[in-house]
Amino acid sequence: MVKPSPSPSVATSGVHRSVRALLPALLLVLLILGGACAPAAPDTAPAPAPYPDSDPLPSWNDGAAKEAILKFVRETTDESSPSFVPPDDRVAVFDQDGTLWVEHPLYTQGVFALDRIRALAPSHPEWSEIEPYKSVIANDAQAIANFTKADWVAILAATHAGMTTEQFTETVQQWLATAKHPRYNRPYTDLVYLPMLEVIAWLRENGFQTYMVTGGGQLFVRAYARKVYGFSPAEIVGSSLVLSYQYDGGKPVLMREPKLFFMDDGPGKAVGIELFIGQRPFAAFGNSNGDRQMLEWTGAGYGKRLMMLVLHDDPEREYAYGPANGLPNSDVGTFPQSLADEANAKGWFIISMKNDWKRIFLFEEQ
């Protein structure tokens, strides 16, 4: 079992309060950070822990959620089944933050933005006297907690725009190589949910095309998605900034502009699926109110569909937040009671992290 580590830094806690105060406005800013293309990472995805042929989901406890996944795959891939889905139509989509990896106490991309301000500060001595950079550099938790939307816009413009797609990708990869989560003291890329890796692997093994549909930045996620999950850049649908075609020393480059191109959250997820995938999924996995429309869109199709939501109810091994089912409220990955009620009414499955997952992380003691 993963033991709770010391509490996150005061600054990180302050940022969490800032997010709570500014949402949903901040989400519109924080999650528009991707680009439209990036070079594929050379690494290949780590395979989930070996499992016996008889159980493709060994990190799951037996129960309704695990059985729903196994039954869905069995019935949609059996040609004699009335629920059979032709291989070309087998599409499954996954949210990322809170569905595939840890999103608390703050979205990984938000932590990246604050760290970049501090890293760039030596090249911008004027920032030491200008807000909001001054407070970030000073690690002033109270000031950060009171940041306005305009403050976050300035931070994100300074850390995500004004560079080429290649430069941004390299910057993200360098940061991920050293950045560590405040609770687990491990790289953020270690905080991937093993049970979900098993689901992705099982669906792929059975002919499903898998895609990530995330409110996070498309280019940010593409910087590590192949290595961490096995998703190719083309399989990442995310929020993105406007790109402009320019020349640098006669070489064509794509420059990131501080202007929203596409917001892939809430209703935007259904739009993004249609625009960038072009097929309605037969399976969709999410964890928050921002995934509601993605599951609704998936479930509105013909035939057998699988819609699942991860409920964070395990404070010992991960975090507990909702406020569905009486869990603590949270504006980071909000799972409202209305979403739980809709899931129950429409036959969606709610995955209890505490009860359905035998093991959460690959590094977790068994």
Protein backbone atom coordinates (compact mmCIF):
# COMPACT_ATOMS: atom_id res chain seq x y z
CA MET A 1 0.00 0.00 0.00
CA VAL A 2 1.21 3.50 -0.76
CA LYS A 3 1.62 5.42 2.49
CA PRO A 4 0.66 9.09 2.51
CA SER A 5 3.70 11.33 2.24
CA PRO A 6 4.06 14.69 3.93
CA SER A 7 1.54 17.28 2.87
CA PRO A 8 2.20 19.22 -0.37
CA SER A 9 4.17 22.42 -0.10
CA VAL A 10 2.41 25.54 1.11
CA ALA A 11 2.81 27.04 -2.33
CA THR A 12 1.15 24.09 -4.00
CA SER A 13 -1.71 24.19 -1.51
CA GLY A 14 -2.08 27.87 -2.22
CA VAL A 15 -2.32 27.20 -5.94
CA HIS A 16 -5.03 24.64 -5.20
CA ARG A 17 -7.02 27.32 -3.39
CA SER A 18 -6.44 29.65 -6.31
CA VAL A 19 -7.86 27.10 -8.72
CA ARG A 20 -10.88 26.62 -6.47
CA ALA A 21 -11.51 30.35 -6.40
CA LEU A 22 -11.20 30.94 -10.13
CA LEU A 23 -12.86 27.90 -11.64
CA PRO A 24 -14.54 27.59 -14.06
CA ALA A 25 -12.89 30.70 -15.51
CA LEU A 26 -9.38 29.39 -14.81
CA LEU A 27 -10.12 26.09 -16.49
CA LEU A 28 -10.77 27.98 -19.69
CA VAL A 29 -7.26 29.37 -19.40
CA LEU A 30 -5.38 26.49 -17.80
CA LEU A 31 -6.57 23.86 -20.24
CA ILE A 32 -6.01 25.59 -23.59
CA LEU A 33 -2.35 24.86 -23.65
CA GLY A 34 -1.77 22.36 -26.45
CA GLY A 35 -0.53 22.52 -30.02
CA ALA A 36 -1.55 20.86 -33.24
CA CYS A 37 1.44 18.70 -33.97
CA ALA A 38 4.57 17.36 -32.31
CA PRO A 39 7.32 14.93 -33.17
CA ALA A 40 6.62 11.42 -31.96
CA ALA A 41 8.67 10.42 -28.96
CA PRO A 42 11.06 7.59 -29.78
CA ASP A 43 10.21 5.63 -26.66
CA THR A 44 7.67 2.85 -26.60
CA ALA A 45 5.02 2.48 -23.92
CA PRO A 46 5.84 0.30 -20.92
CA ALA A 47 3.71 -2.82 -20.91
CA PRO A 48 1.42 -3.33 -17.93
CA ALA A 49 2.59 -5.87 -15.40
CA PRO A 50 2.48 -9.41 -16.81
CA TYR A 51 -0.81 -11.15 -16.24
CA PRO A 52 -2.07 -14.69 -16.70
CA ASP A 53 -4.04 -15.40 -19.84
CA SER A 54 -7.08 -16.14 -17.70
CA ASP A 55 -7.17 -12.64 -16.22
CA PRO A 56 -6.34 -9.64 -18.42
CA LEU A 57 -7.16 -7.25 -15.55
CA PRO A 58 -5.13 -8.54 -12.59
CA SER A 59 -5.03 -5.18 -10.80
CA TRP A 60 -8.81 -5.15 -10.53
CA ASN A 61 -10.84 -6.74 -7.77
CA ASP A 62 -13.66 -8.97 -8.90
CA GLY A 63 -16.88 -7.01 -9.09
CA ALA A 64 -19.39 -5.31 -11.34
CA ALA A 65 -16.90 -2.86 -12.89
CA LYS A 66 -14.35 -5.50 -13.87
CA GLU A 67 -17.05 -7.83 -15.17
CA ALA A 68 -18.57 -5.02 -17.23
CA ILE A 69 -15.27 -4.49 -19.05
CA LEU A 70 -14.69 -8.18 -19.68
CA LYS A 71 -18.29 -8.71 -20.83
CA PHE A 72 -18.17 -5.68 -23.14
CA VAL A 73 -15.02 -6.89 -24.88
CA ARG A 74 -16.30 -10.44 -25.08
CA GLU A 75 -19.65 -9.50 -26.64
CA THR A 76 -18.40 -6.82 -29.04
CA THR A 77 -15.65 -9.02 -30.48
CA ASP A 78 -17.60 -12.29 -30.81
CA GLU A 79 -18.93 -12.55 -34.36
CA SER A 80 -21.80 -14.72 -33.16
CA SER A 81 -22.91 -12.09 -30.65
CA PRO A 82 -25.75 -9.67 -31.49
CA SER A 83 -23.52 -6.96 -29.99
CA PHE A 84 -20.62 -7.68 -32.35
CA VAL A 85 -18.77 -4.57 -33.54
CA PRO A 86 -16.72 -4.76 -36.77
CA PRO A 87 -13.02 -4.10 -36.14
CA ASP A 88 -13.04 -0.85 -38.13
CA ASP A 89 -15.70 0.57 -35.81
CA ARG A 90 -14.07 -0.35 -32.51
CA VAL A 91 -13.13 2.94 -30.88
CA ALA A 92 -12.54 3.65 -27.18
CA VAL A 93 -11.72 7.04 -25.63
CA PHE A 94 -10.12 8.00 -22.33
CA ASP A 95 -9.87 11.23 -20.42
CA GLN A 96 -6.43 11.75 -18.83
CA ASP A 97 -6.38 13.84 -15.63
CA GLY A 98 -8.00 11.81 -12.87
CA THR A 99 -8.83 8.97 -15.25
CA LEU A 100 -5.39 7.76 -16.32
CA TRP A 101 -3.15 9.54 -13.80
CA VAL A 102 -3.22 11.63 -10.62
CA GLU A 103 -4.68 15.14 -10.92
CA HIS A 104 -4.46 16.35 -7.31
CA PRO A 105 -3.56 18.66 -5.68
CA LEU A 106 -3.21 20.49 -9.02
CA TYR A 107 -3.21 19.49 -12.67
CA THR A 108 0.31 18.54 -13.73
CA GLN A 109 0.27 21.15 -16.46
CA GLY A 110 -0.51 23.88 -13.94
CA VAL A 111 2.50 22.85 -11.85
CA PHE A 112 4.60 22.96 -15.02
CA ALA A 113 3.51 26.54 -15.72
CA LEU A 114 4.52 27.77 -12.25
CA ASP A 115 7.83 25.92 -12.36
CA ARG A 116 8.60 27.45 -15.76
CA ILE A 117 8.17 30.96 -14.37
CA ARG A 118 10.80 30.20 -11.74
CA ALA A 119 13.11 28.60 -14.30
CA LEU A 120 12.84 31.57 -16.66
CA ALA A 121 13.18 34.19 -13.93
CA PRO A 122 16.99 34.65 -14.28
CA SER A 123 16.47 35.72 -17.89
CA HIS A 124 13.76 38.18 -16.82
CA PRO A 125 15.11 40.19 -13.89
CA GLU A 126 12.22 42.61 -14.31
CA TRP A 127 9.84 39.87 -13.13
CA SER A 128 11.11 40.24 -9.56
CA GLU A 129 9.17 43.52 -9.38
CA ILE A 130 6.18 42.66 -11.58
CA GLU A 131 3.10 40.66 -10.62
CA PRO A 132 2.13 37.90 -10.97
CA TYR A 133 5.67 36.70 -11.65
CA LYS A 134 6.99 38.28 -8.44
CA SER A 135 4.73 36.16 -6.25
CA VAL A 136 5.50 32.96 -8.13
CA ILE A 137 9.24 33.54 -7.85
CA ALA A 138 8.91 34.32 -4.15
CA ASN A 139 6.74 31.24 -3.63
CA ASP A 140 4.14 33.47 -1.97
CA ALA A 141 1.29 31.05 -1.36
CA GLN A 142 -1.21 33.66 -0.21
CA ALA A 143 -0.61 35.85 -3.25
CA ILE A 144 -0.83 32.88 -5.61
CA ALA A 145 -4.12 31.92 -3.97
CA ASN A 146 -5.50 35.32 -4.93
CA PHE A 147 -4.36 35.33 -8.55
CA THR A 148 -6.94 36.60 -11.01
CA LYS A 149 -7.72 35.14 -14.40
CA ALA A 150 -5.55 37.88 -15.93
CA ASP A 151 -2.65 36.76 -13.73
CA TRP A 152 -2.94 33.18 -14.98
CA VAL A 153 -3.21 34.38 -18.58
CA ALA A 154 0.09 36.22 -18.13
CA ILE A 155 1.75 33.15 -16.60
CA LEU A 156 0.55 30.85 -19.34
CA ALA A 157 1.48 33.25 -22.12
CA ALA A 158 5.00 33.47 -20.69
CA THR A 159 5.40 29.70 -20.37
CA HIS A 160 3.39 28.15 -23.24
CA ALA A 161 3.41 30.56 -26.17
CA GLY A 162 6.05 32.45 -28.13
CA MET A 163 8.00 29.34 -29.08
CA THR A 164 7.89 26.68 -31.76
CA THR A 165 6.10 23.39 -31.30
CA GLU A 166 9.45 21.59 -31.22
CA GLN A 167 10.83 23.92 -28.56
CA PHE A 168 7.75 23.49 -26.39
CA THR A 169 7.84 19.70 -26.67
CA GLU A 170 11.49 19.61 -25.66
CA THR A 171 10.80 21.92 -22.72
CA VAL A 172 8.00 19.68 -21.43
CA GLN A 173 10.11 16.55 -21.74
CA GLN A 174 13.01 18.14 -19.88
CA TRP A 175 10.69 19.25 -17.06
CA LEU A 176 9.07 15.84 -16.72
CA ALA A 177 12.51 14.23 -16.42
CA THR A 178 13.11 15.95 -13.06
CA ALA A 179 9.77 17.20 -11.67
CA LYS A 180 8.27 15.20 -8.81
CA HIS A 181 4.82 15.05 -7.24
CA PRO A 182 4.68 16.70 -3.77
CA ARG A 183 2.98 13.77 -2.06
CA TYR A 184 4.55 10.74 -3.69
CA ASN A 185 7.97 12.28 -4.39
CA ARG A 186 8.03 10.45 -7.71
CA PRO A 187 8.02 11.65 -11.33
CA TYR A 188 4.54 12.61 -12.52
CA THR A 189 4.83 10.00 -15.25
CA ASP A 190 5.01 7.31 -12.55
CA LEU A 191 1.56 8.28 -11.27
CA VAL A 192 -0.34 6.39 -13.94
CA TYR A 193 -3.14 4.07 -12.88
CA LEU A 194 -2.10 0.48 -13.54
CA PRO A 195 -5.71 -0.80 -13.77
CA MET A 196 -6.38 1.65 -16.62
CA LEU A 197 -3.20 0.63 -18.45
CA GLU A 198 -4.54 -2.91 -18.32
CA VAL A 199 -7.87 -1.82 -19.78
CA ILE A 200 -6.14 0.04 -22.61
CA ALA A 201 -3.93 -2.97 -23.35
CA TRP A 202 -6.91 -5.37 -23.29
CA LEU A 203 -8.95 -3.22 -25.65
CA ARG A 204 -6.04 -2.87 -28.07
CA GLU A 205 -5.41 -6.60 -27.97
CA ASN A 206 -9.03 -7.06 -29.04
CA GLY A 207 -8.87 -4.73 -32.01
CA PHE A 208 -10.01 -1.45 -30.45
CA GLN A 209 -8.50 1.84 -31.55
CA THR A 210 -7.81 3.81 -28.38
CA TYR A 211 -7.64 7.60 -28.09
CA MET A 212 -7.04 10.07 -25.31
CA VAL A 213 -9.58 12.92 -25.24
CA THR A 214 -8.33 15.42 -22.68
CA GLY A 215 -9.07 18.96 -21.60
CA GLY A 216 -5.33 19.38 -21.11
CA GLY A 217 -3.00 20.78 -23.71
CA GLN A 218 -2.68 18.59 -26.77
CA LEU A 219 0.99 19.33 -27.35
CA PHE A 220 1.80 19.06 -23.64
CA VAL A 221 0.31 15.54 -23.55
CA ARG A 222 1.86 14.51 -26.86
CA ALA A 223 5.29 15.17 -25.36
CA TYR A 224 5.03 12.01 -23.22
CA ALA A 225 1.92 10.06 -24.29
CA ARG A 226 3.73 7.46 -26.39
CA LYS A 227 6.24 6.67 -23.66
CA VAL A 228 3.72 6.61 -20.81
CA TYR A 229 0.56 5.19 -22.40
CA GLY A 230 1.44 3.99 -25.89
CA PHE A 231 -0.74 6.64 -27.54
CA SER A 232 0.70 8.03 -30.75
CA PRO A 233 0.53 11.83 -31.28
CA ALA A 234 -2.37 11.27 -33.70
CA GLU A 235 -4.31 9.53 -30.91
CA ILE A 236 -4.30 12.59 -28.64
CA VAL A 237 -7.27 14.95 -28.84
CA GLY A 238 -6.76 17.94 -26.57
CA SER A 239 -7.11 21.67 -26.11
CA SER A 240 -4.86 23.71 -28.37
CA LEU A 241 -3.49 27.14 -29.14
CA VAL A 242 -3.40 28.84 -32.53
CA LEU A 243 -0.31 27.95 -34.56
CA SER A 244 1.25 30.20 -37.17
CA TYR A 245 3.49 29.06 -40.01
CA GLN A 246 6.74 31.02 -39.96
CA TYR A 247 10.36 30.79 -41.06
CA ASP A 248 13.39 30.65 -38.79
CA GLY A 249 16.60 31.08 -40.76
CA GLY A 250 14.84 29.81 -43.85
CA LYS A 251 13.48 26.77 -42.02
CA PRO A 252 9.68 26.48 -41.67
CA VAL A 253 8.43 26.30 -38.09
CA LEU A 254 5.07 26.31 -36.34
CA MET A 255 4.92 29.07 -33.75
CA ARG A 256 2.58 28.87 -30.76
CA GLU A 257 0.42 31.97 -30.35
CA PRO A 258 -1.25 33.06 -27.07
CA LYS A 259 -4.72 32.52 -28.52
CA LEU A 260 -7.19 29.68 -28.07
CA PHE A 261 -7.80 27.45 -31.07
CA PHE A 262 -9.86 24.63 -29.56
CA MET A 263 -11.16 23.90 -26.05
CA ASP A 264 -11.50 20.16 -25.52
CA ASP A 265 -13.53 20.05 -22.33
CA GLY A 266 -17.18 19.46 -21.50
CA PRO A 267 -19.24 19.65 -24.73
CA GLY A 268 -15.98 20.27 -26.56
CA LYS A 269 -15.00 16.66 -26.01
CA ALA A 270 -17.87 15.40 -28.15
CA VAL A 271 -16.98 18.01 -30.76
CA GLY A 272 -13.32 17.00 -30.63
CA ILE A 273 -14.19 13.34 -31.11
CA GLU A 274 -16.18 14.17 -34.23
CA LEU A 275 -13.58 16.57 -35.63
CA PHE A 276 -10.41 14.61 -34.95
CA ILE A 277 -11.52 10.96 -34.72
CA GLY A 278 -14.60 10.99 -36.94
CA GLN A 279 -16.25 7.99 -35.26
CA ARG A 280 -18.51 7.74 -32.25
CA PRO A 281 -16.77 5.63 -29.57
CA PHE A 282 -18.20 2.38 -28.30
CA ALA A 283 -16.46 2.86 -24.95
CA ALA A 284 -15.62 6.00 -22.96
CA PHE A 285 -13.82 6.43 -19.65
CA GLY A 286 -13.80 9.62 -17.57
CA ASN A 287 -13.86 10.83 -13.98
CA SER A 288 -15.39 14.29 -13.76
CA ASN A 289 -18.11 16.66 -14.85
CA GLY A 290 -15.90 17.66 -17.77
CA ASP A 291 -16.36 14.16 -19.18
CA ARG A 292 -20.16 14.11 -18.94
CA GLN A 293 -20.86 15.00 -22.57
CA MET A 294 -18.23 12.56 -23.85
CA LEU A 295 -20.04 9.71 -22.10
CA GLU A 296 -23.45 10.98 -23.20
CA TRP A 297 -22.26 11.15 -26.81
CA THR A 298 -20.84 7.64 -26.61
CA GLY A 299 -23.99 6.20 -25.06
CA ALA A 300 -26.27 7.79 -27.66
CA GLY A 301 -24.98 5.44 -30.36
CA TYR A 302 -26.52 2.14 -31.44
CA GLY A 303 -25.59 -1.25 -30.05
CA LYS A 304 -23.72 -2.16 -26.89
CA ARG A 305 -21.73 0.69 -25.33
CA LEU A 306 -19.57 0.96 -22.24
CA MET A 307 -19.42 4.19 -20.22
CA MET A 308 -17.35 4.29 -17.02
CA LEU A 309 -16.37 6.93 -14.45
CA VAL A 310 -13.51 6.69 -11.96
CA LEU A 311 -14.56 7.82 -8.47
CA HIS A 312 -11.70 8.99 -6.26
CA ASP A 313 -12.65 7.54 -2.89
CA ASP A 314 -9.33 6.21 -1.59
CA PRO A 315 -7.50 8.79 0.59
CA GLU A 316 -5.03 6.18 1.81
CA ARG A 317 -3.55 5.22 -1.54
CA GLU A 318 -4.56 8.28 -3.58
CA TYR A 319 -7.16 11.01 -2.86
CA ALA A 320 -10.85 11.25 -1.95
CA TYR A 321 -13.02 13.92 -3.57
CA GLY A 322 -16.40 14.30 -5.22
CA PRO A 323 -18.67 15.71 -3.86
CA ALA A 324 -20.69 12.72 -5.10
CA ASN A 325 -21.51 10.07 -2.48
CA GLY A 326 -20.70 12.48 0.34
CA LEU A 327 -17.01 12.83 -0.56
CA PRO A 328 -15.18 16.14 -0.01
CA ASN A 329 -15.87 18.80 -2.62
CA SER A 330 -13.19 19.72 -5.14
CA ASP A 331 -12.90 22.03 -8.12
CA VAL A 332 -10.05 19.95 -9.50
CA GLY A 333 -11.72 16.94 -11.10
CA THR A 334 -15.20 17.68 -9.74
CA PHE A 335 -17.50 14.63 -9.62
CA PRO A 336 -20.88 16.11 -8.63
CA GLN A 337 -23.80 14.10 -7.33
CA SER A 338 -25.72 14.99 -10.49
CA LEU A 339 -23.13 13.09 -12.53
CA ALA A 340 -23.44 10.06 -10.26
CA ASP A 341 -27.23 10.23 -10.55
CA GLU A 342 -27.03 10.38 -14.34
CA ALA A 343 -24.64 7.42 -14.36
CA ASN A 344 -27.01 5.35 -12.24
CA ALA A 345 -30.01 6.33 -14.38
CA LYS A 346 -28.30 5.52 -17.68
CA GLY A 347 -26.47 2.37 -16.70
CA TRP A 348 -22.98 3.84 -16.67
CA PHE A 349 -20.51 2.16 -14.35
CA ILE A 350 -18.83 4.01 -11.48
CA ILE A 351 -15.40 2.61 -10.69
CA SER A 352 -14.59 2.81 -6.99
CA MET A 353 -10.86 3.36 -6.70
CA LYS A 354 -11.00 2.00 -3.17
CA ASN A 355 -13.05 -1.11 -3.84
CA ASP A 356 -12.47 -1.97 -7.50
CA TRP A 357 -8.73 -1.46 -7.75
CA LYS A 358 -6.54 -4.04 -6.08
CA ARG A 359 -3.44 -2.10 -7.05
CA ILE A 360 -3.34 1.53 -8.21
CA PHE A 361 0.27 2.17 -9.23
CA LEU A 362 2.98 0.00 -10.72
CA PHE A 363 5.29 1.03 -7.85
CA GLU A 364 2.70 0.21 -5.19
CA GLU A 365 3.58 -2.59 -2.78
CA GLN A 366 1.42 -5.65 -3.27
